[in-house]
Every structure is written in structure tokens, then in C-alpha cells.
N, C-alpha and C. Protein backbone atom coordinates (compact mmCIF):
# COMPACT_ATOMS: atom_id res chain seq x y z
N ILE A 1 -9.70 18.59 6.07
CA ILE A 1 -10.45 19.70 5.50
C ILE A 1 -11.23 20.41 6.61
N THR A 2 -11.80 19.62 7.51
CA THR A 2 -12.56 20.26 8.59
C THR A 2 -11.66 21.13 9.46
N ASP A 3 -10.43 20.69 9.71
CA ASP A 3 -9.51 21.51 10.51
C ASP A 3 -9.14 22.80 9.78
N LEU A 4 -8.99 22.73 8.49
CA LEU A 4 -8.65 23.94 7.72
C LEU A 4 -9.80 24.94 7.70
N THR A 5 -11.03 24.43 7.75
CA THR A 5 -12.20 25.31 7.64
C THR A 5 -12.85 25.58 9.00
N SER A 6 -12.28 25.04 10.07
CA SER A 6 -12.80 25.19 11.44
C SER A 6 -14.20 24.60 11.60
N VAL A 7 -14.55 23.63 10.78
CA VAL A 7 -15.82 22.93 10.89
C VAL A 7 -15.61 21.77 11.88
N PRO A 8 -16.52 21.58 12.82
CA PRO A 8 -16.36 20.47 13.77
C PRO A 8 -16.46 19.13 13.05
N ARG A 9 -15.65 18.17 13.52
CA ARG A 9 -15.70 16.82 12.94
C ARG A 9 -16.99 16.13 13.37
N PRO A 10 -17.66 15.48 12.43
CA PRO A 10 -18.86 14.73 12.80
C PRO A 10 -18.50 13.59 13.75
N SER A 11 -19.40 13.25 14.64
CA SER A 11 -19.15 12.15 15.57
C SER A 11 -19.01 10.85 14.79
N GLY A 12 -18.13 10.00 15.24
CA GLY A 12 -17.90 8.72 14.58
C GLY A 12 -16.91 8.79 13.44
N TRP A 13 -16.42 9.97 13.14
CA TRP A 13 -15.43 10.10 12.07
C TRP A 13 -14.14 9.46 12.50
N GLU A 14 -13.51 8.71 11.61
CA GLU A 14 -12.23 8.07 11.92
C GLU A 14 -11.11 8.80 11.21
N GLY A 15 -9.90 8.62 11.72
CA GLY A 15 -8.74 9.21 11.06
C GLY A 15 -8.17 10.36 11.87
N GLU A 16 -7.08 10.90 11.36
CA GLU A 16 -6.39 11.99 12.03
C GLU A 16 -6.26 13.16 11.08
N SER A 17 -6.18 14.32 11.64
CA SER A 17 -5.97 15.51 10.84
C SER A 17 -4.57 15.49 10.24
N LEU A 18 -4.46 15.83 9.00
CA LEU A 18 -3.15 15.92 8.35
C LEU A 18 -2.35 17.10 8.89
N LEU A 19 -3.04 18.05 9.50
CA LEU A 19 -2.33 19.20 10.07
C LEU A 19 -1.52 18.82 11.30
N ARG A 20 -1.85 17.70 11.94
CA ARG A 20 -1.13 17.28 13.14
C ARG A 20 -0.03 16.26 12.86
N LEU A 21 0.13 15.87 11.60
CA LEU A 21 1.16 14.89 11.27
C LEU A 21 2.54 15.49 11.44
N LYS A 22 3.44 14.71 11.99
CA LYS A 22 4.83 15.14 12.07
C LYS A 22 5.48 14.86 10.73
N THR A 23 6.22 15.81 10.24
CA THR A 23 6.90 15.62 8.96
C THR A 23 8.39 15.65 9.16
N ASN A 24 9.07 14.90 8.37
CA ASN A 24 10.52 14.90 8.34
C ASN A 24 10.94 15.39 6.96
N PRO A 25 11.27 16.68 6.86
CA PRO A 25 11.63 17.20 5.54
C PRO A 25 12.82 16.43 4.95
N ARG A 26 12.73 16.13 3.69
CA ARG A 26 13.81 15.42 3.01
C ARG A 26 14.73 16.42 2.33
N GLU A 27 16.00 16.09 2.34
CA GLU A 27 16.95 16.96 1.67
C GLU A 27 16.83 16.84 0.16
N GLN A 28 16.58 15.62 -0.31
CA GLN A 28 16.42 15.38 -1.73
C GLN A 28 15.09 14.69 -1.98
N ILE A 29 14.50 15.00 -3.11
CA ILE A 29 13.23 14.38 -3.49
C ILE A 29 13.43 13.74 -4.85
N VAL A 30 12.98 12.49 -5.01
CA VAL A 30 13.06 11.80 -6.30
C VAL A 30 11.63 11.63 -6.81
N LEU A 31 11.43 11.98 -8.07
CA LEU A 31 10.12 11.87 -8.70
C LEU A 31 10.22 10.91 -9.87
N GLU A 32 9.13 10.22 -10.15
CA GLU A 32 9.13 9.32 -11.30
C GLU A 32 7.75 9.25 -11.91
N THR A 33 7.71 9.01 -13.21
CA THR A 33 6.45 8.80 -13.91
C THR A 33 6.77 8.08 -15.22
N THR A 34 5.75 7.60 -15.87
CA THR A 34 5.91 7.06 -17.22
C THR A 34 4.97 7.82 -18.12
N PHE A 35 5.28 7.88 -19.39
CA PHE A 35 4.44 8.61 -20.34
C PHE A 35 3.07 7.94 -20.41
N GLY A 36 2.04 8.68 -20.08
CA GLY A 36 0.68 8.16 -20.18
C GLY A 36 0.19 7.42 -18.97
N SER A 37 1.07 7.06 -18.04
CA SER A 37 0.65 6.34 -16.84
C SER A 37 1.63 6.66 -15.72
N PRO A 38 1.14 7.20 -14.61
CA PRO A 38 2.05 7.59 -13.54
C PRO A 38 2.64 6.43 -12.74
N SER A 39 2.13 5.21 -12.92
CA SER A 39 2.61 4.16 -12.03
C SER A 39 2.84 2.81 -12.70
N ASP A 40 2.84 2.75 -14.01
CA ASP A 40 3.01 1.47 -14.69
C ASP A 40 4.26 1.51 -15.56
N PRO A 41 5.39 1.01 -15.05
CA PRO A 41 6.63 1.06 -15.83
C PRO A 41 6.55 0.30 -17.15
N SER A 42 5.62 -0.64 -17.27
CA SER A 42 5.52 -1.37 -18.54
C SER A 42 4.80 -0.54 -19.60
N ALA A 43 4.21 0.61 -19.19
CA ALA A 43 3.49 1.46 -20.14
C ALA A 43 4.43 2.26 -21.04
N GLY A 44 5.66 2.39 -20.65
CA GLY A 44 6.61 3.17 -21.44
C GLY A 44 7.83 3.49 -20.62
N PRO A 45 8.73 4.27 -21.18
CA PRO A 45 9.96 4.59 -20.44
C PRO A 45 9.66 5.36 -19.15
N VAL A 46 10.46 5.09 -18.13
CA VAL A 46 10.32 5.79 -16.86
C VAL A 46 11.10 7.09 -16.93
N TYR A 47 10.44 8.18 -16.56
CA TYR A 47 11.07 9.49 -16.48
C TYR A 47 11.36 9.74 -15.00
N LEU A 48 12.58 10.14 -14.69
CA LEU A 48 12.97 10.37 -13.30
C LEU A 48 13.50 11.79 -13.13
N ALA A 49 13.32 12.31 -11.94
CA ALA A 49 13.86 13.63 -11.61
C ALA A 49 14.26 13.61 -10.14
N ALA A 50 15.24 14.42 -9.80
CA ALA A 50 15.64 14.60 -8.41
C ALA A 50 15.69 16.09 -8.15
N ARG A 51 15.28 16.47 -6.96
CA ARG A 51 15.23 17.87 -6.62
C ARG A 51 15.96 18.10 -5.30
N LYS A 52 16.79 19.13 -5.26
CA LYS A 52 17.45 19.54 -4.02
C LYS A 52 17.59 21.05 -4.07
N GLY A 53 16.99 21.70 -3.10
CA GLY A 53 17.06 23.16 -3.06
C GLY A 53 16.52 23.75 -4.34
N ARG A 54 17.32 24.57 -4.96
CA ARG A 54 16.88 25.27 -6.17
C ARG A 54 17.11 24.47 -7.44
N PHE A 55 17.73 23.30 -7.33
CA PHE A 55 18.09 22.52 -8.52
C PHE A 55 17.16 21.32 -8.74
N LYS A 56 16.84 21.09 -9.99
CA LYS A 56 16.05 19.93 -10.40
C LYS A 56 16.76 19.26 -11.57
N LEU A 57 17.05 17.98 -11.40
CA LEU A 57 17.71 17.20 -12.44
C LEU A 57 16.68 16.26 -13.06
N MET A 58 16.56 16.30 -14.37
CA MET A 58 15.66 15.42 -15.10
C MET A 58 16.52 14.36 -15.77
N TYR A 59 16.11 13.09 -15.65
CA TYR A 59 16.83 11.98 -16.27
C TYR A 59 15.84 11.14 -17.07
N ASN A 60 16.02 11.14 -18.37
CA ASN A 60 15.17 10.35 -19.26
C ASN A 60 16.08 9.48 -20.12
N GLU A 61 16.19 8.21 -19.73
CA GLU A 61 17.02 7.29 -20.50
C GLU A 61 16.45 7.12 -21.91
N LYS A 62 15.13 7.03 -21.97
CA LYS A 62 14.41 6.95 -23.24
C LYS A 62 13.22 7.89 -23.15
N VAL A 63 12.72 8.29 -24.31
CA VAL A 63 11.52 9.13 -24.36
C VAL A 63 10.50 8.40 -25.24
N HIS A 64 9.26 8.36 -24.78
CA HIS A 64 8.20 7.70 -25.53
C HIS A 64 8.06 8.38 -26.90
N PRO A 65 7.87 7.62 -27.97
CA PRO A 65 7.78 8.20 -29.32
C PRO A 65 6.66 9.24 -29.47
N ARG A 66 5.59 9.11 -28.69
CA ARG A 66 4.49 10.08 -28.80
C ARG A 66 4.68 11.30 -27.89
N ASP A 67 5.73 11.31 -27.08
CA ASP A 67 6.00 12.42 -26.16
C ASP A 67 6.68 13.54 -26.93
N ARG A 68 5.97 14.63 -27.13
CA ARG A 68 6.51 15.76 -27.90
C ARG A 68 7.24 16.78 -27.04
N PHE A 69 7.22 16.61 -25.71
CA PHE A 69 7.75 17.64 -24.84
C PHE A 69 9.03 17.26 -24.10
N SER A 70 9.19 16.00 -23.77
CA SER A 70 10.36 15.57 -23.00
C SER A 70 11.56 15.36 -23.91
N ARG A 71 12.74 15.52 -23.31
CA ARG A 71 13.97 15.30 -24.06
C ARG A 71 14.77 14.18 -23.39
N GLN A 72 15.40 13.38 -24.22
CA GLN A 72 16.23 12.29 -23.71
C GLN A 72 17.49 12.86 -23.09
N GLY A 73 18.01 12.17 -22.07
CA GLY A 73 19.28 12.55 -21.47
C GLY A 73 19.13 13.14 -20.09
N ILE A 74 20.16 13.88 -19.69
CA ILE A 74 20.23 14.50 -18.37
C ILE A 74 20.14 16.00 -18.55
N HIS A 75 19.24 16.61 -17.78
CA HIS A 75 19.03 18.05 -17.87
C HIS A 75 18.89 18.62 -16.47
N LEU A 76 19.61 19.71 -16.20
CA LEU A 76 19.59 20.35 -14.88
C LEU A 76 19.01 21.75 -15.03
N PHE A 77 18.14 22.11 -14.08
CA PHE A 77 17.53 23.43 -14.11
C PHE A 77 17.61 24.07 -12.74
N ASP A 78 17.78 25.39 -12.71
CA ASP A 78 17.67 26.18 -11.50
C ASP A 78 16.23 26.67 -11.47
N VAL A 79 15.38 26.00 -10.68
CA VAL A 79 13.95 26.29 -10.73
C VAL A 79 13.57 27.61 -10.06
N VAL A 80 14.51 28.22 -9.36
CA VAL A 80 14.25 29.55 -8.79
C VAL A 80 14.50 30.61 -9.86
N ALA A 81 15.67 30.57 -10.49
CA ALA A 81 16.01 31.54 -11.52
C ALA A 81 15.29 31.25 -12.84
N ASP A 82 14.92 30.00 -13.07
CA ASP A 82 14.31 29.57 -14.33
C ASP A 82 13.12 28.65 -14.05
N PRO A 83 12.02 29.21 -13.50
CA PRO A 83 10.89 28.36 -13.09
C PRO A 83 10.22 27.61 -14.24
N ASN A 84 10.38 28.05 -15.47
CA ASN A 84 9.80 27.35 -16.62
C ASN A 84 10.76 26.32 -17.21
N GLU A 85 11.90 26.14 -16.56
CA GLU A 85 12.88 25.12 -16.95
C GLU A 85 13.23 25.19 -18.44
N GLN A 86 13.70 26.36 -18.85
CA GLN A 86 14.04 26.59 -20.25
C GLN A 86 15.53 26.48 -20.53
N THR A 87 16.37 26.72 -19.50
CA THR A 87 17.82 26.75 -19.71
C THR A 87 18.48 25.59 -18.97
N ASP A 88 19.03 24.66 -19.73
CA ASP A 88 19.72 23.50 -19.16
C ASP A 88 21.11 23.95 -18.71
N ILE A 89 21.38 23.79 -17.41
CA ILE A 89 22.67 24.23 -16.85
C ILE A 89 23.52 23.05 -16.39
N ALA A 90 23.27 21.87 -16.95
CA ALA A 90 23.99 20.66 -16.53
C ALA A 90 25.49 20.77 -16.78
N GLU A 91 25.88 21.25 -17.95
CA GLU A 91 27.32 21.32 -18.28
C GLU A 91 28.09 22.23 -17.34
N GLU A 92 27.45 23.29 -16.87
CA GLU A 92 28.13 24.25 -15.99
C GLU A 92 28.15 23.81 -14.53
N ASN A 93 27.42 22.74 -14.19
CA ASN A 93 27.29 22.31 -12.81
C ASN A 93 27.47 20.81 -12.64
N PRO A 94 28.64 20.27 -13.00
CA PRO A 94 28.84 18.82 -12.94
C PRO A 94 28.73 18.26 -11.52
N GLY A 95 29.08 19.02 -10.51
CA GLY A 95 28.98 18.54 -9.13
C GLY A 95 27.53 18.34 -8.71
N VAL A 96 26.68 19.29 -9.08
CA VAL A 96 25.26 19.18 -8.76
C VAL A 96 24.65 18.00 -9.51
N VAL A 97 25.03 17.85 -10.78
CA VAL A 97 24.53 16.72 -11.58
C VAL A 97 24.92 15.40 -10.92
N ALA A 98 26.17 15.26 -10.53
CA ALA A 98 26.64 14.02 -9.91
C ALA A 98 25.89 13.74 -8.61
N GLU A 99 25.68 14.78 -7.80
CA GLU A 99 24.99 14.61 -6.52
C GLU A 99 23.54 14.15 -6.73
N LEU A 100 22.84 14.74 -7.69
CA LEU A 100 21.44 14.40 -7.91
C LEU A 100 21.26 13.11 -8.70
N LEU A 101 22.28 12.69 -9.43
CA LEU A 101 22.19 11.40 -10.12
C LEU A 101 22.25 10.23 -9.14
N GLY A 102 22.84 10.44 -7.98
CA GLY A 102 22.95 9.38 -6.98
C GLY A 102 21.60 8.78 -6.60
N PRO A 103 20.65 9.59 -6.12
CA PRO A 103 19.36 9.00 -5.75
C PRO A 103 18.58 8.46 -6.96
N ILE A 104 18.81 9.03 -8.12
CA ILE A 104 18.16 8.51 -9.33
C ILE A 104 18.70 7.12 -9.65
N ALA A 105 20.00 6.93 -9.52
CA ALA A 105 20.60 5.62 -9.77
C ALA A 105 20.07 4.58 -8.79
N VAL A 106 19.88 4.98 -7.54
CA VAL A 106 19.32 4.07 -6.54
C VAL A 106 17.91 3.66 -6.96
N ARG A 107 17.10 4.63 -7.35
CA ARG A 107 15.73 4.32 -7.74
C ARG A 107 15.69 3.46 -9.00
N LEU A 108 16.56 3.73 -9.96
CA LEU A 108 16.62 2.88 -11.17
C LEU A 108 16.93 1.44 -10.80
N GLY A 109 17.85 1.25 -9.87
CA GLY A 109 18.18 -0.10 -9.41
C GLY A 109 16.98 -0.79 -8.78
N GLU A 110 16.22 -0.04 -7.98
CA GLU A 110 15.02 -0.61 -7.37
C GLU A 110 14.00 -1.01 -8.43
N LEU A 111 13.81 -0.15 -9.42
CA LEU A 111 12.84 -0.43 -10.49
C LEU A 111 13.26 -1.65 -11.31
N GLN A 112 14.54 -1.73 -11.61
CA GLN A 112 15.00 -2.83 -12.43
C GLN A 112 14.94 -4.17 -11.70
N ALA A 113 14.91 -4.12 -10.37
CA ALA A 113 14.80 -5.35 -9.60
C ALA A 113 13.36 -5.86 -9.53
N GLN A 114 12.40 -5.00 -9.90
CA GLN A 114 10.99 -5.41 -9.88
C GLN A 114 10.69 -6.26 -11.11
N PRO A 115 10.04 -7.41 -10.93
CA PRO A 115 9.76 -8.29 -12.07
C PRO A 115 8.99 -7.63 -13.20
N SER A 116 8.00 -6.80 -12.89
CA SER A 116 7.21 -6.19 -13.96
C SER A 116 8.03 -5.21 -14.77
N PHE A 117 9.00 -4.54 -14.13
CA PHE A 117 9.83 -3.58 -14.85
C PHE A 117 10.90 -4.32 -15.67
N ALA A 118 11.50 -5.32 -15.08
CA ALA A 118 12.57 -6.05 -15.76
C ALA A 118 12.08 -6.70 -17.04
N SER A 119 10.80 -7.09 -17.10
CA SER A 119 10.28 -7.73 -18.30
C SER A 119 9.77 -6.74 -19.32
N ALA A 120 9.69 -5.45 -18.97
CA ALA A 120 9.16 -4.45 -19.88
C ALA A 120 10.13 -4.09 -20.98
């Protein structure tokens, strides 16, 4: 924050500026959450998404009974042409769906190997 605002760092401050961190942009991004809790798979079904370029694939094996907004299944959106994610284009883009399901399948395998998730 001090680097962004040009405020000098107080003496004795530890840490590094986030502005100087080297980043390695990822080609694909996988996101996950559970209904009502972002990090506890035992709290409910895990919702997964993968993003690459303009496409975002949502994968919900199950939907929590109190979740009024999410839909079960696989849904693909062009977030540039459809930023509010209203039009599911999965059927018209099977190649994109298959490509983005890959990292989701990997993450599902990792989650299922965790003892707390396997018992949920």
C-alpha cells in the first residue's frame, strides 16, 4: 500500500512490496468454493470453475438445497461477450468444454484424496 501511495515505509517494517513480485501468468485458472463456506468441503457441495481467455466453465456436480442461484451440471460462458453469464454456450463449444474440464477433473481428484472431503 505504501508503494502505491508513495508513502515511505516506516523503519523496521518487514516484508516485500507486492509490486516487485515476479508473476508467472497462468494459461488456465481453476476456482473452487462451497455454498456458505469458501474453504470447507464438508460444508456442502464443491462448486468448481475453470477460466481460459474469454471462456469460463462452471462445474457443479451437486447444488446445495438452499442455493437459489447456481445450477447443477456443466455450463460454459463467453465472459467477454456475456459478462453476466446469461447464455450457456457449452453445447456449441464441446472442444472448449473438454479442455476446461481437464483441470477441473484434476482438482476433483485432489479433493477426493483429502480425508476430510472423502468423508463428507
